[in-house]
Amino acid sequence: MRASVFGKNKSIMKKINFLFIKIILLLFISKLAIAATATASLPVSASVTQVCSVSTSTALAFAIYDPIGTNATAPLNSIGQISVACSKGASGLTIGMDNGVHVSGTQRQMIGAVNSNLLSYSIYQPSSTAALAVCTFPGTTLWTNTGVGMFTLTNSTSRVARVYNVCGTISGGQDVAADTYADTVIATINF
């Protein structure tokens, strides 16, 4: 009799274990069914402003001016370069060159390091608005910081810097002393 009661208990225990497993599975499945999701949109934004920079690539450095020989009548020409970088699509771009530190009226002048004599010079725009457009001498359009003297650039197609020639001329026939002459001109990009 003991064996049958024990066997019945074993059978009941199996049923209880089976029911217990079913209940746990049902609870787990019901929690999965109850679990939900929600979504939200996260706005993402950025602004890119039109921005430009200008720098000197190559100084406008003239060779030796010979006031009693070659340059007694002929001008001395030289080419410098500026580099311009703008954000892609930048438009309405102009570059102005001021008249330098030692200007007299509208005439740019370099000053001697030792004797303070003045050597007049001019800066002209290159032959076109294309990057690295050649200088033609004598120049036709003075490069200034106002009106038609402003150099108008094409719109920027990328952020890659573009290089532009700066065309310089020291007119012939100037009676100046032996010295080293210098001036500083400020280039400004307007955008």
N, C-alpha and C. Protein backbone atom coordinates (compact mmCIF):
# COMPACT_ATOMS: atom_id res chain seq x y z
N MET A 1 0.82 -1.15 0.00
CA MET A 1 0.00 0.00 0.00
C MET A 1 0.90 1.26 0.00
N ARG A 2 1.96 1.10 0.66
CA ARG A 2 2.86 2.22 0.70
C ARG A 2 3.39 2.56 -0.69
N ALA A 3 3.67 1.57 -1.46
CA ALA A 3 4.22 1.79 -2.79
C ALA A 3 3.22 2.51 -3.66
N SER A 4 1.94 2.18 -3.56
CA SER A 4 0.96 2.83 -4.41
C SER A 4 0.73 4.27 -3.98
N VAL A 5 0.76 4.54 -2.67
CA VAL A 5 0.60 5.93 -2.19
C VAL A 5 1.81 6.74 -2.66
N PHE A 6 2.97 6.11 -2.55
CA PHE A 6 4.16 6.80 -2.97
C PHE A 6 4.13 7.02 -4.48
N GLY A 7 3.65 6.05 -5.23
CA GLY A 7 3.53 6.17 -6.68
C GLY A 7 2.54 7.24 -7.06
N LYS A 8 1.41 7.32 -6.27
CA LYS A 8 0.42 8.37 -6.53
C LYS A 8 1.02 9.73 -6.25
N ASN A 9 1.78 9.81 -5.18
CA ASN A 9 2.40 11.09 -4.83
C ASN A 9 3.39 11.51 -5.92
N LYS A 10 4.08 10.50 -6.46
CA LYS A 10 5.03 10.79 -7.51
C LYS A 10 4.29 11.31 -8.74
N SER A 11 3.18 10.71 -9.04
CA SER A 11 2.38 11.15 -10.18
C SER A 11 1.82 12.54 -9.92
N ILE A 12 1.39 12.79 -8.71
CA ILE A 12 0.86 14.12 -8.36
C ILE A 12 1.99 15.15 -8.45
N MET A 13 3.18 14.76 -8.00
CA MET A 13 4.31 15.68 -8.03
C MET A 13 4.67 16.04 -9.47
N LYS A 14 4.60 15.06 -10.35
CA LYS A 14 4.89 15.32 -11.76
C LYS A 14 3.88 16.30 -12.32
N LYS A 15 2.60 16.10 -11.97
CA LYS A 15 1.55 16.99 -12.45
C LYS A 15 1.75 18.39 -11.90
N ILE A 16 2.15 18.47 -10.62
CA ILE A 16 2.36 19.80 -10.00
C ILE A 16 3.54 20.48 -10.68
N ASN A 17 4.63 19.73 -10.90
CA ASN A 17 5.79 20.30 -11.59
C ASN A 17 5.42 20.78 -12.98
N PHE A 18 4.65 19.97 -13.69
CA PHE A 18 4.22 20.32 -15.03
C PHE A 18 3.36 21.58 -14.99
N LEU A 19 2.41 21.65 -14.03
CA LEU A 19 1.57 22.84 -13.89
C LEU A 19 2.41 24.06 -13.52
N PHE A 20 3.37 23.84 -12.63
CA PHE A 20 4.24 24.94 -12.22
C PHE A 20 5.01 25.49 -13.42
N ILE A 21 5.55 24.64 -14.25
CA ILE A 21 6.28 25.06 -15.45
C ILE A 21 5.34 25.79 -16.41
N LYS A 22 4.09 25.29 -16.55
CA LYS A 22 3.11 25.96 -17.41
C LYS A 22 2.82 27.36 -16.90
N ILE A 23 2.66 27.49 -15.59
CA ILE A 23 2.34 28.80 -15.01
C ILE A 23 3.50 29.78 -15.25
N ILE A 24 4.71 29.30 -15.03
CA ILE A 24 5.88 30.17 -15.26
C ILE A 24 5.95 30.57 -16.72
N LEU A 25 5.75 29.63 -17.63
CA LEU A 25 5.77 29.96 -19.05
C LEU A 25 4.67 30.94 -19.42
N LEU A 26 3.47 30.72 -18.86
CA LEU A 26 2.36 31.64 -19.13
C LEU A 26 2.67 33.04 -18.62
N LEU A 27 3.24 33.13 -17.44
CA LEU A 27 3.59 34.44 -16.89
C LEU A 27 4.65 35.13 -17.77
N PHE A 28 5.65 34.37 -18.19
CA PHE A 28 6.70 34.91 -19.04
C PHE A 28 6.13 35.37 -20.38
N ILE A 29 5.30 34.54 -20.99
CA ILE A 29 4.69 34.88 -22.27
C ILE A 29 3.76 36.08 -22.13
N SER A 30 3.02 36.15 -21.04
CA SER A 30 2.09 37.27 -20.84
C SER A 30 2.87 38.57 -20.66
N LYS A 31 4.04 38.47 -19.99
CA LYS A 31 4.86 39.68 -19.84
C LYS A 31 5.39 40.12 -21.20
N LEU A 32 5.75 39.16 -22.02
CA LEU A 32 6.20 39.52 -23.37
C LEU A 32 5.06 40.16 -24.15
N ALA A 33 3.91 39.64 -24.00
CA ALA A 33 2.76 40.19 -24.70
C ALA A 33 2.41 41.56 -24.16
N ILE A 34 2.63 41.79 -22.88
CA ILE A 34 2.32 43.07 -22.27
C ILE A 34 3.39 44.10 -22.60
N ALA A 35 4.67 43.68 -22.77
CA ALA A 35 5.75 44.61 -23.08
C ALA A 35 5.44 45.33 -24.38
N ALA A 36 5.67 46.64 -24.39
CA ALA A 36 5.35 47.46 -25.56
C ALA A 36 6.54 48.34 -25.89
N THR A 37 6.50 49.01 -27.02
CA THR A 37 7.55 49.95 -27.40
C THR A 37 6.91 51.29 -27.73
N ALA A 38 7.72 52.30 -27.66
CA ALA A 38 7.28 53.65 -28.04
C ALA A 38 8.42 54.27 -28.84
N THR A 39 8.12 55.15 -29.76
CA THR A 39 9.15 55.81 -30.56
C THR A 39 9.00 57.32 -30.45
N ALA A 40 10.08 57.97 -30.73
CA ALA A 40 10.07 59.43 -30.76
C ALA A 40 11.06 59.88 -31.83
N SER A 41 10.76 60.97 -32.47
CA SER A 41 11.68 61.54 -33.46
C SER A 41 12.68 62.42 -32.74
N LEU A 42 13.94 62.30 -33.12
CA LEU A 42 15.00 63.13 -32.57
C LEU A 42 15.50 64.05 -33.68
N PRO A 43 15.13 65.33 -33.65
CA PRO A 43 15.60 66.25 -34.69
C PRO A 43 17.12 66.44 -34.60
N VAL A 44 17.78 66.45 -35.74
CA VAL A 44 19.22 66.69 -35.82
C VAL A 44 19.42 67.83 -36.81
N SER A 45 20.23 68.82 -36.44
CA SER A 45 20.45 69.95 -37.35
C SER A 45 21.85 70.51 -37.17
N ALA A 46 22.30 71.21 -38.18
CA ALA A 46 23.57 71.93 -38.15
C ALA A 46 23.46 73.09 -39.12
N SER A 47 24.24 74.10 -38.89
CA SER A 47 24.29 75.24 -39.79
C SER A 47 25.70 75.42 -40.31
N VAL A 48 25.84 75.75 -41.57
CA VAL A 48 27.13 76.08 -42.16
C VAL A 48 26.98 77.49 -42.71
N THR A 49 27.79 78.38 -42.20
CA THR A 49 27.71 79.76 -42.68
C THR A 49 28.70 79.97 -43.82
N GLN A 50 28.44 80.99 -44.59
CA GLN A 50 29.37 81.37 -45.65
C GLN A 50 30.58 81.99 -44.96
N VAL A 51 31.73 81.41 -45.18
CA VAL A 51 32.95 81.88 -44.53
C VAL A 51 34.11 81.80 -45.53
N CYS A 52 35.05 82.75 -45.41
CA CYS A 52 36.21 82.78 -46.30
C CYS A 52 37.45 83.22 -45.53
N SER A 53 38.61 82.89 -46.09
CA SER A 53 39.87 83.40 -45.56
C SER A 53 40.76 83.78 -46.74
N VAL A 54 41.66 84.71 -46.49
CA VAL A 54 42.63 85.13 -47.50
C VAL A 54 44.00 85.16 -46.84
N SER A 55 45.01 84.71 -47.57
CA SER A 55 46.37 84.71 -47.03
C SER A 55 47.36 84.95 -48.18
N THR A 56 48.58 85.29 -47.82
CA THR A 56 49.63 85.50 -48.81
C THR A 56 50.25 84.16 -49.17
N SER A 57 50.29 83.85 -50.44
CA SER A 57 51.00 82.66 -50.90
C SER A 57 52.44 83.00 -51.26
N THR A 58 52.60 84.11 -51.99
CA THR A 58 53.92 84.58 -52.41
C THR A 58 53.93 86.09 -52.30
N ALA A 59 54.93 86.62 -51.61
CA ALA A 59 55.04 88.08 -51.47
C ALA A 59 55.28 88.73 -52.83
N LEU A 60 54.88 89.96 -52.95
CA LEU A 60 55.16 90.75 -54.15
C LEU A 60 56.58 91.32 -53.97
N ALA A 61 57.56 90.57 -54.43
CA ALA A 61 58.98 90.92 -54.23
C ALA A 61 59.59 91.28 -55.58
N PHE A 62 59.91 92.55 -55.74
CA PHE A 62 60.50 93.02 -56.98
C PHE A 62 61.99 92.68 -57.02
N ALA A 63 62.50 92.52 -58.23
CA ALA A 63 63.95 92.36 -58.41
C ALA A 63 64.60 93.73 -58.16
N ILE A 64 65.89 93.83 -58.39
CA ILE A 64 66.60 95.09 -58.15
C ILE A 64 66.16 96.14 -59.18
N TYR A 65 65.81 97.31 -58.66
CA TYR A 65 65.40 98.45 -59.49
C TYR A 65 66.66 99.24 -59.86
N ASP A 66 66.86 99.46 -61.14
CA ASP A 66 68.05 100.15 -61.64
C ASP A 66 67.65 101.53 -62.19
N PRO A 67 67.74 102.60 -61.35
CA PRO A 67 67.26 103.91 -61.77
C PRO A 67 68.11 104.60 -62.85
N ILE A 68 69.32 104.13 -63.08
CA ILE A 68 70.14 104.80 -64.12
C ILE A 68 70.31 103.93 -65.36
N GLY A 69 69.91 102.67 -65.31
CA GLY A 69 70.03 101.77 -66.45
C GLY A 69 68.65 101.39 -66.96
N THR A 70 68.34 100.12 -66.84
CA THR A 70 67.10 99.57 -67.38
C THR A 70 65.86 100.34 -66.95
N ASN A 71 65.76 100.67 -65.66
CA ASN A 71 64.54 101.29 -65.15
C ASN A 71 64.56 102.81 -65.20
N ALA A 72 65.55 103.38 -65.89
CA ALA A 72 65.54 104.82 -66.12
C ALA A 72 64.32 105.19 -66.96
N THR A 73 63.90 104.24 -67.82
CA THR A 73 62.70 104.48 -68.64
C THR A 73 61.69 103.33 -68.55
N ALA A 74 62.16 102.12 -68.33
CA ALA A 74 61.27 100.95 -68.34
C ALA A 74 60.79 100.60 -66.93
N PRO A 75 59.54 100.14 -66.82
CA PRO A 75 59.04 99.73 -65.51
C PRO A 75 59.65 98.39 -65.07
N LEU A 76 59.56 98.12 -63.78
CA LEU A 76 59.98 96.84 -63.23
C LEU A 76 58.71 96.13 -62.75
N ASN A 77 58.46 94.95 -63.29
CA ASN A 77 57.24 94.21 -62.97
C ASN A 77 57.55 93.00 -62.08
N SER A 78 56.56 92.60 -61.32
CA SER A 78 56.70 91.43 -60.46
C SER A 78 55.32 90.84 -60.19
N ILE A 79 55.31 89.58 -59.76
CA ILE A 79 54.05 88.90 -59.45
C ILE A 79 54.12 88.30 -58.06
N GLY A 80 53.10 88.59 -57.27
CA GLY A 80 52.91 87.95 -55.97
C GLY A 80 51.64 87.10 -56.07
N GLN A 81 51.28 86.42 -55.00
CA GLN A 81 50.07 85.60 -55.03
C GLN A 81 49.37 85.61 -53.68
N ILE A 82 48.05 85.59 -53.76
CA ILE A 82 47.23 85.42 -52.56
C ILE A 82 46.40 84.14 -52.72
N SER A 83 46.05 83.58 -51.60
CA SER A 83 45.26 82.35 -51.58
C SER A 83 43.93 82.64 -50.89
N VAL A 84 42.84 82.16 -51.50
CA VAL A 84 41.50 82.40 -50.97
C VAL A 84 40.79 81.05 -50.79
N ALA A 85 40.27 80.83 -49.61
CA ALA A 85 39.48 79.61 -49.35
C ALA A 85 38.13 80.04 -48.79
N CYS A 86 37.06 79.48 -49.35
CA CYS A 86 35.70 79.81 -48.91
C CYS A 86 34.89 78.53 -48.77
N SER A 87 33.84 78.60 -47.99
CA SER A 87 32.94 77.46 -47.89
C SER A 87 32.29 77.24 -49.26
N LYS A 88 31.97 75.99 -49.54
CA LYS A 88 31.38 75.61 -50.83
C LYS A 88 30.11 76.43 -51.07
N GLY A 89 30.00 76.98 -52.27
CA GLY A 89 28.83 77.76 -52.65
C GLY A 89 28.87 79.21 -52.24
N ALA A 90 29.96 79.65 -51.58
CA ALA A 90 30.06 81.05 -51.18
C ALA A 90 29.97 81.93 -52.42
N SER A 91 29.21 83.01 -52.31
CA SER A 91 28.99 83.88 -53.47
C SER A 91 29.11 85.34 -53.06
N GLY A 92 29.13 86.21 -54.06
CA GLY A 92 29.27 87.65 -53.80
C GLY A 92 30.65 87.99 -53.27
N LEU A 93 31.66 87.31 -53.77
CA LEU A 93 33.02 87.43 -53.25
C LEU A 93 33.81 88.52 -53.97
N THR A 94 34.41 89.40 -53.18
CA THR A 94 35.33 90.40 -53.73
C THR A 94 36.56 90.49 -52.83
N ILE A 95 37.68 90.85 -53.45
CA ILE A 95 38.90 91.07 -52.69
C ILE A 95 39.35 92.50 -52.93
N GLY A 96 39.64 93.19 -51.85
CA GLY A 96 40.16 94.54 -51.94
C GLY A 96 41.59 94.59 -51.43
N MET A 97 42.37 95.49 -51.96
CA MET A 97 43.74 95.74 -51.49
C MET A 97 43.80 97.19 -51.04
N ASP A 98 44.22 97.41 -49.78
CA ASP A 98 44.32 98.80 -49.35
C ASP A 98 45.53 99.45 -50.00
N ASN A 99 45.74 100.74 -49.73
CA ASN A 99 46.80 101.49 -50.40
C ASN A 99 48.16 101.38 -49.74
N GLY A 100 48.27 100.54 -48.71
CA GLY A 100 49.55 100.37 -48.04
C GLY A 100 49.77 101.40 -46.95
N VAL A 101 50.88 101.27 -46.27
CA VAL A 101 51.19 102.11 -45.11
C VAL A 101 51.71 103.49 -45.53
N HIS A 102 52.43 103.57 -46.63
CA HIS A 102 53.12 104.81 -47.01
C HIS A 102 52.49 105.50 -48.21
N VAL A 103 51.18 105.39 -48.36
CA VAL A 103 50.45 105.95 -49.47
C VAL A 103 50.52 107.48 -49.45
N SER A 104 50.53 108.08 -50.63
CA SER A 104 50.42 109.52 -50.77
C SER A 104 49.27 109.76 -51.74
N GLY A 105 48.14 110.23 -51.25
CA GLY A 105 46.93 110.35 -52.06
C GLY A 105 46.44 108.95 -52.35
N THR A 106 46.53 108.54 -53.62
CA THR A 106 46.18 107.17 -53.98
C THR A 106 47.40 106.40 -54.49
N GLN A 107 48.57 107.02 -54.44
CA GLN A 107 49.79 106.37 -54.93
C GLN A 107 50.45 105.54 -53.82
N ARG A 108 50.55 104.24 -54.07
CA ARG A 108 51.25 103.36 -53.13
C ARG A 108 52.75 103.65 -53.21
N GLN A 109 53.40 103.58 -52.06
CA GLN A 109 54.83 103.84 -52.00
C GLN A 109 55.50 102.91 -51.00
N MET A 110 56.71 102.49 -51.33
CA MET A 110 57.56 101.78 -50.38
C MET A 110 58.51 102.80 -49.78
N ILE A 111 58.89 102.56 -48.54
CA ILE A 111 59.82 103.48 -47.88
C ILE A 111 61.16 102.78 -47.69
N GLY A 112 62.23 103.56 -47.84
CA GLY A 112 63.58 103.02 -47.66
C GLY A 112 63.86 102.74 -46.19
N ALA A 113 64.61 101.68 -45.94
CA ALA A 113 64.92 101.28 -44.56
C ALA A 113 65.93 102.22 -43.91
N VAL A 114 66.84 102.80 -44.71
CA VAL A 114 67.89 103.64 -44.15
C VAL A 114 67.59 105.12 -44.28
N ASN A 115 67.26 105.57 -45.49
CA ASN A 115 67.15 107.01 -45.72
C ASN A 115 65.72 107.52 -45.89
N SER A 116 64.72 106.68 -45.73
CA SER A 116 63.31 107.06 -45.80
C SER A 116 62.88 107.67 -47.13
N ASN A 117 63.63 107.42 -48.20
CA ASN A 117 63.16 107.81 -49.53
C ASN A 117 61.96 106.95 -49.88
N LEU A 118 61.18 107.41 -50.84
CA LEU A 118 59.98 106.68 -51.25
C LEU A 118 60.11 106.19 -52.69
N LEU A 119 59.65 104.96 -52.93
CA LEU A 119 59.65 104.36 -54.25
C LEU A 119 58.21 103.99 -54.58
N SER A 120 57.65 104.66 -55.60
CA SER A 120 56.24 104.45 -55.96
C SER A 120 56.05 103.14 -56.70
N TYR A 121 54.91 102.52 -56.48
CA TYR A 121 54.57 101.27 -57.18
C TYR A 121 53.05 101.19 -57.31
N SER A 122 52.61 100.26 -58.15
CA SER A 122 51.17 100.04 -58.36
C SER A 122 50.89 98.54 -58.32
N ILE A 123 49.67 98.21 -57.92
CA ILE A 123 49.21 96.82 -57.93
C ILE A 123 48.00 96.74 -58.85
N TYR A 124 48.05 95.79 -59.78
CA TYR A 124 46.98 95.60 -60.75
C TYR A 124 46.33 94.23 -60.58
N GLN A 125 45.08 94.15 -61.04
CA GLN A 125 44.37 92.87 -61.04
C GLN A 125 44.89 91.99 -62.17
N PRO A 126 44.81 90.67 -62.01
CA PRO A 126 45.20 89.78 -63.12
C PRO A 126 44.23 89.91 -64.29
N SER A 127 44.54 89.22 -65.37
CA SER A 127 43.79 89.37 -66.62
C SER A 127 42.35 88.85 -66.58
N SER A 128 42.03 87.95 -65.65
CA SER A 128 40.65 87.46 -65.51
C SER A 128 40.41 87.01 -64.07
N THR A 129 39.18 86.63 -63.77
CA THR A 129 38.85 86.20 -62.41
C THR A 129 39.14 84.72 -62.18
N ALA A 130 39.70 84.05 -63.16
CA ALA A 130 40.07 82.65 -62.99
C ALA A 130 41.29 82.54 -62.08
N ALA A 131 41.33 81.51 -61.28
CA ALA A 131 42.49 81.29 -60.43
C ALA A 131 43.74 81.19 -61.30
N LEU A 132 44.82 81.79 -60.83
CA LEU A 132 46.11 81.82 -61.52
C LEU A 132 46.08 82.47 -62.91
N ALA A 133 45.10 83.33 -63.14
CA ALA A 133 45.08 84.08 -64.40
C ALA A 133 46.36 84.90 -64.50
N VAL A 134 46.90 85.01 -65.69
CA VAL A 134 48.19 85.67 -65.88
C VAL A 134 48.10 87.17 -65.64
N CYS A 135 49.24 87.72 -65.30
CA CYS A 135 49.36 89.18 -65.22
C CYS A 135 49.76 89.69 -66.59
N THR A 136 49.15 90.79 -66.99
CA THR A 136 49.56 91.44 -68.23
C THR A 136 50.13 92.80 -67.85
N PHE A 137 51.25 93.13 -68.45
CA PHE A 137 51.90 94.39 -68.14
C PHE A 137 51.96 95.23 -69.39
N PRO A 138 51.62 96.49 -69.39
CA PRO A 138 51.16 97.18 -68.19
C PRO A 138 49.75 96.73 -67.79
N GLY A 139 49.49 96.75 -66.49
CA GLY A 139 48.17 96.36 -65.99
C GLY A 139 47.11 97.35 -66.43
N THR A 140 45.85 96.91 -66.41
CA THR A 140 44.77 97.80 -66.86
C THR A 140 43.87 98.25 -65.71
N THR A 141 43.65 97.40 -64.71
CA THR A 141 42.76 97.77 -63.61
C THR A 141 43.53 97.77 -62.30
N LEU A 142 43.68 98.96 -61.72
CA LEU A 142 44.34 99.05 -60.42
C LEU A 142 43.54 98.24 -59.40
N TRP A 143 44.25 97.55 -58.52
CA TRP A 143 43.61 96.75 -57.48
C TRP A 143 43.55 97.59 -56.22
N THR A 144 42.34 98.00 -55.87
CA THR A 144 42.13 98.86 -54.69
C THR A 144 41.10 98.20 -53.78
N ASN A 145 40.62 98.95 -52.82
CA ASN A 145 39.60 98.41 -51.92
C ASN A 145 38.25 99.11 -52.06
N THR A 146 38.04 99.75 -53.21
CA THR A 146 36.74 100.39 -53.46
C THR A 146 36.37 100.27 -54.94
N GLY A 147 35.08 100.34 -55.20
CA GLY A 147 34.55 100.42 -56.57
C GLY A 147 35.08 99.39 -57.53
N VAL A 148 35.43 99.85 -58.75
CA VAL A 148 35.91 98.94 -59.79
C VAL A 148 37.27 98.34 -59.44
N GLY A 149 37.94 98.91 -58.46
CA GLY A 149 39.23 98.38 -58.02
C GLY A 149 39.11 97.10 -57.21
N MET A 150 37.87 96.77 -56.81
CA MET A 150 37.65 95.50 -56.09
C MET A 150 37.70 94.37 -57.11
N PHE A 151 38.39 93.30 -56.77
CA PHE A 151 38.52 92.14 -57.65
C PHE A 151 37.38 91.18 -57.33
N THR A 152 36.51 90.92 -58.31
CA THR A 152 35.35 90.07 -58.11
C THR A 152 35.68 88.63 -58.47
N LEU A 153 35.41 87.72 -57.53
CA LEU A 153 35.70 86.30 -57.74
C LEU A 153 34.45 85.55 -58.16
N THR A 154 34.66 84.41 -58.80
CA THR A 154 33.55 83.52 -59.10
C THR A 154 33.13 82.81 -57.80
N ASN A 155 31.92 82.25 -57.79
CA ASN A 155 31.44 81.53 -56.61
C ASN A 155 32.37 80.36 -56.29
N SER A 156 32.46 80.06 -55.02
CA SER A 156 33.32 78.96 -54.57
C SER A 156 32.64 77.62 -54.86
N THR A 157 33.34 76.73 -55.56
CA THR A 157 32.78 75.42 -55.88
C THR A 157 33.16 74.36 -54.85
N SER A 158 34.13 74.66 -53.99
CA SER A 158 34.54 73.76 -52.91
C SER A 158 35.34 74.56 -51.90
N ARG A 159 35.71 73.90 -50.82
CA ARG A 159 36.49 74.59 -49.78
C ARG A 159 37.97 74.67 -50.12
N VAL A 160 38.36 74.07 -51.22
CA VAL A 160 39.77 74.07 -51.64
C VAL A 160 40.21 75.51 -51.97
N ALA A 161 41.36 75.89 -51.46
CA ALA A 161 41.88 77.24 -51.69
C ALA A 161 42.19 77.47 -53.16
N ARG A 162 41.92 78.70 -53.59
CA ARG A 162 42.25 79.13 -54.96
C ARG A 162 43.33 80.20 -54.86
N VAL A 163 44.26 80.18 -55.79
CA VAL A 163 45.37 81.12 -55.77
C VAL A 163 45.20 82.13 -56.90
N TYR A 164 45.41 83.41 -56.58
CA TYR A 164 45.26 84.49 -57.55
C TYR A 164 46.56 85.30 -57.61
N ASN A 165 46.94 85.67 -58.83
CA ASN A 165 48.14 86.49 -59.02
C ASN A 165 47.87 87.93 -58.64
N VAL A 166 48.89 88.55 -58.06
CA VAL A 166 48.88 89.97 -57.73
C VAL A 166 49.97 90.60 -58.61
N CYS A 167 49.56 91.51 -59.48
CA CYS A 167 50.45 92.05 -60.52
C CYS A 167 51.01 93.41 -60.07
N GLY A 168 52.31 93.48 -59.87
CA GLY A 168 52.93 94.71 -59.38
C GLY A 168 53.84 95.36 -60.41
N THR A 169 53.86 96.70 -60.38
CA THR A 169 54.70 97.48 -61.29
C THR A 169 55.32 98.65 -60.54
N ILE A 170 56.63 98.80 -60.70
CA ILE A 170 57.31 100.03 -60.26
C ILE A 170 57.59 100.79 -61.55
N SER A 171 57.04 101.98 -61.65
CA SER A 171 57.21 102.74 -62.89
C SER A 171 58.67 103.16 -63.07
N GLY A 172 59.09 103.23 -64.33
CA GLY A 172 60.45 103.64 -64.65
C GLY A 172 60.65 105.12 -64.43
N GLY A 173 61.91 105.52 -64.36
CA GLY A 173 62.25 106.94 -64.28
C GLY A 173 62.22 107.54 -62.89
N GLN A 174 62.15 106.74 -61.85
CA GLN A 174 62.15 107.30 -60.49
C GLN A 174 63.59 107.52 -60.03
N ASP A 175 63.83 108.67 -59.44
CA ASP A 175 65.16 109.04 -58.95
C ASP A 175 65.22 108.73 -57.46
N VAL A 176 65.69 107.52 -57.14
CA VAL A 176 65.70 107.08 -55.73
C VAL A 176 67.10 106.64 -55.33
N ALA A 177 67.36 106.72 -54.02
CA ALA A 177 68.67 106.34 -53.46
C ALA A 177 68.76 104.83 -53.30
N ALA A 178 69.97 104.33 -53.25
CA ALA A 178 70.21 102.91 -52.98
C ALA A 178 69.72 102.60 -51.56
N ASP A 179 68.88 101.58 -51.45
CA ASP A 179 68.29 101.23 -50.15
C ASP A 179 67.45 99.97 -50.36
N THR A 180 66.92 99.47 -49.30
CA THR A 180 65.94 98.39 -49.37
C THR A 180 64.59 99.00 -49.03
N TYR A 181 63.62 98.86 -49.94
CA TYR A 181 62.33 99.52 -49.80
C TYR A 181 61.26 98.48 -49.46
N ALA A 182 60.29 98.91 -48.65
CA ALA A 182 59.23 97.98 -48.25
C ALA A 182 57.93 98.73 -47.94
N ASP A 183 56.85 98.01 -48.06
CA ASP A 183 55.53 98.51 -47.69
C ASP A 183 54.68 97.29 -47.32
N THR A 184 53.58 97.53 -46.70
CA THR A 184 52.65 96.44 -46.35
C THR A 184 51.26 96.82 -46.85
N VAL A 185 50.67 95.93 -47.65
CA VAL A 185 49.32 96.12 -48.17
C VAL A 185 48.43 95.06 -47.55
N ILE A 186 47.25 95.46 -47.12
CA ILE A 186 46.29 94.53 -46.52
C ILE A 186 45.27 94.09 -47.57
N ALA A 187 45.18 92.78 -47.76
CA ALA A 187 44.15 92.21 -48.65
C ALA A 187 42.96 91.81 -47.79
N THR A 188 41.76 92.17 -48.23
CA THR A 188 40.55 91.86 -47.50
C THR A 188 39.56 91.15 -48.42
N ILE A 189 39.02 90.02 -47.96
CA ILE A 189 37.99 89.35 -48.75
C ILE A 189 36.64 89.71 -48.17
N ASN A 190 35.71 90.07 -49.04
CA ASN A 190 34.35 90.41 -48.65
C ASN A 190 33.44 89.29 -49.14
N PHE A 191 32.58 88.80 -48.24
CA PHE A 191 31.69 87.70 -48.60
C PHE A 191 30.36 87.83 -47.92
